[in-house]
Protein backbone atom coordinates (compact mmCIF):
# COMPACT_ATOMS: atom_id res chain seq x y z
CA MET A 1 34.18 13.33 216.99
CA THR A 2 32.75 9.76 218.10
CA ASP A 3 28.92 9.43 219.93
CA LEU A 4 30.23 9.03 223.08
CA GLN A 5 32.88 11.65 222.86
CA THR A 6 29.24 13.88 221.42
CA LEU A 7 27.21 12.80 224.32
CA THR A 8 30.05 13.43 226.71
CA ALA A 9 29.74 16.73 224.96
CA LEU A 10 26.37 17.59 225.32
CA LEU A 11 25.78 16.23 228.65
CA ALA A 12 28.18 18.96 229.61
CA SER A 13 26.89 22.02 228.36
CA ARG A 14 22.90 21.20 228.84
CA SER A 15 22.75 18.90 232.10
CA ALA A 16 25.69 20.20 234.18
CA LYS A 17 24.43 23.28 236.34
CA ARG A 18 26.90 25.10 238.47
CA GLY A 19 25.38 26.81 242.14
CA ASP A 20 24.74 25.74 245.06
CA PHE A 21 22.03 22.73 245.12
CA VAL A 22 21.07 20.28 248.31
CA LEU A 23 21.31 16.62 247.28
CA SER A 24 18.87 14.17 247.65
CA SER A 25 21.80 13.14 250.67
CA GLY A 26 21.56 16.49 252.25
CA ARG A 27 24.92 17.41 251.38
CA LYS A 28 25.37 20.63 249.56
CA SER A 29 27.20 20.71 246.23
CA ASN A 30 28.23 23.60 243.92
CA LEU A 31 27.83 21.11 240.41
CA TYR A 32 24.31 19.63 239.85
CA ILE A 33 24.22 16.82 236.70
CA ASP A 34 20.33 16.74 235.69
CA ALA A 35 20.95 13.94 232.89
CA ARG A 36 17.31 14.21 232.03
CA LEU A 37 17.80 17.32 230.54
CA THR A 38 19.85 15.59 227.99
CA ALA A 39 18.46 12.26 227.96
CA MET A 40 14.72 13.56 227.51
CA SER A 41 16.27 15.45 223.99
CA PRO A 42 16.28 14.53 220.54
CA GLU A 43 19.91 14.33 220.10
CA GLY A 44 20.65 12.97 223.70
CA GLN A 45 17.84 10.02 222.39
CA LEU A 46 19.93 9.38 219.27
CA LEU A 47 22.99 9.43 221.63
CA ILE A 48 22.02 7.30 224.38
CA GLY A 49 20.53 4.77 222.26
CA ARG A 50 23.38 4.23 219.52
CA VAL A 51 26.37 4.57 222.92
CA GLY A 52 24.25 2.29 225.05
CA LEU A 53 23.92 -0.49 223.10
CA HIS A 54 27.16 -0.21 221.85
CA ALA A 55 28.38 -0.65 225.18
CA LEU A 56 26.11 -3.97 225.94
CA ARG A 57 27.36 -5.20 222.74
CA GLU A 58 30.76 -4.31 224.01
CA ALA A 59 30.37 -5.65 227.18
CA GLY A 60 28.90 -8.97 225.85
CA TRP A 61 26.14 -8.64 227.80
CA ASP A 62 23.76 -10.19 225.49
CA ALA A 63 20.47 -8.36 226.74
CA ASP A 64 16.94 -9.09 226.09
CA SER A 65 15.13 -6.38 228.01
CA VAL A 66 16.71 -3.45 229.11
CA GLY A 67 14.87 -1.02 231.92
CA GLY A 68 14.93 0.24 235.54
CA LEU A 69 12.91 2.57 237.57
CA THR A 70 10.72 5.27 236.07
CA LEU A 71 11.25 8.43 235.34
CA GLY A 72 15.26 7.95 235.54
CA ALA A 73 15.31 4.92 233.29
CA ASP A 74 12.70 5.40 231.61
CA PRO A 75 14.12 7.42 228.58
CA ILE A 76 17.46 5.83 228.48
CA SER A 77 16.00 2.60 228.15
CA TYR A 78 13.59 3.74 225.63
CA ALA A 79 16.93 4.74 223.33
CA ILE A 80 18.93 1.70 223.56
CA ALA A 81 15.89 -0.38 222.48
CA HIS A 82 14.96 2.38 219.75
CA ALA A 83 18.88 1.66 218.76
CA SER A 84 18.00 -1.94 218.54
CA ALA A 85 15.42 -1.61 215.83
CA TYR A 86 17.23 0.94 214.23
CA GLU A 87 20.03 -1.85 213.96
CA ASN A 88 17.83 -3.96 212.81
CA ALA A 89 16.46 -2.71 210.29
CA ALA A 90 19.71 -1.84 208.72
CA ASN A 91 20.64 -5.13 209.44
CA LEU A 92 17.57 -8.40 210.26
CA ASN A 93 20.27 -10.76 211.72
CA ALA A 94 20.84 -7.77 214.08
CA LYS A 95 19.10 -8.88 217.82
CA LEU A 96 15.91 -6.18 219.68
CA VAL A 97 16.51 -5.52 222.79
CA ARG A 98 13.23 -4.29 224.53
CA SER A 99 12.40 -1.75 227.55
CA PHE A 100 10.57 -2.12 230.47
CA THR A 101 9.56 0.47 233.09
CA VAL A 102 9.60 -0.26 237.10
CA ARG A 103 6.59 1.68 238.88
CA LYS A 104 8.01 2.87 242.41
CA GLU A 105 4.66 1.23 243.86
CA ALA A 106 2.11 -1.60 241.82
CA LYS A 107 -1.41 0.43 239.57
CA GLN A 108 -4.21 -0.24 242.28
CA HIS A 109 -5.96 -0.47 238.86
CA GLY A 110 -6.14 -2.30 235.54
CA THR A 111 -3.79 -5.42 235.81
CA GLY A 112 -1.92 -4.10 238.92
CA LYS A 113 1.76 -4.34 237.19
CA LEU A 114 4.77 -3.02 239.14
CA VAL A 115 7.06 -3.62 236.19
CA GLU A 116 5.24 -2.78 232.57
CA GLY A 117 7.17 -3.83 229.45
CA PRO A 118 6.83 -6.63 226.73
CA PHE A 119 9.48 -7.98 228.48
CA LEU A 120 9.48 -12.44 228.21
CA SER A 121 9.85 -14.77 230.86
CA GLY A 122 13.60 -15.53 231.13
CA ASP A 123 14.67 -12.39 230.10
CA ARG A 124 18.10 -11.59 230.14
């Protein structure tokens, strides 16, 4: 089984829920996918990192950093960054991919940042 197939099976078994749900749109659904249950698990982190990094490479995206809005994107971007570090440790020519987090609002203390992470000016 490939990493993508294993991740898909893990999402189906761990994150797919049947029942009566009201979605954020207000619509009703009998299926709800809580991907965080997979994305925040050790196995999910490993698979998401590998699959995500592979997808970036396959698409030809020369990403320097990955990230997005906090909570949802955090475990995904961290997993991809970790996978790139693991790949780099095995092959020093492998490119490291940094991660970042976008807050809903800028902090009102400290540096007042809206975006957190070790990204650099000009990152793609």
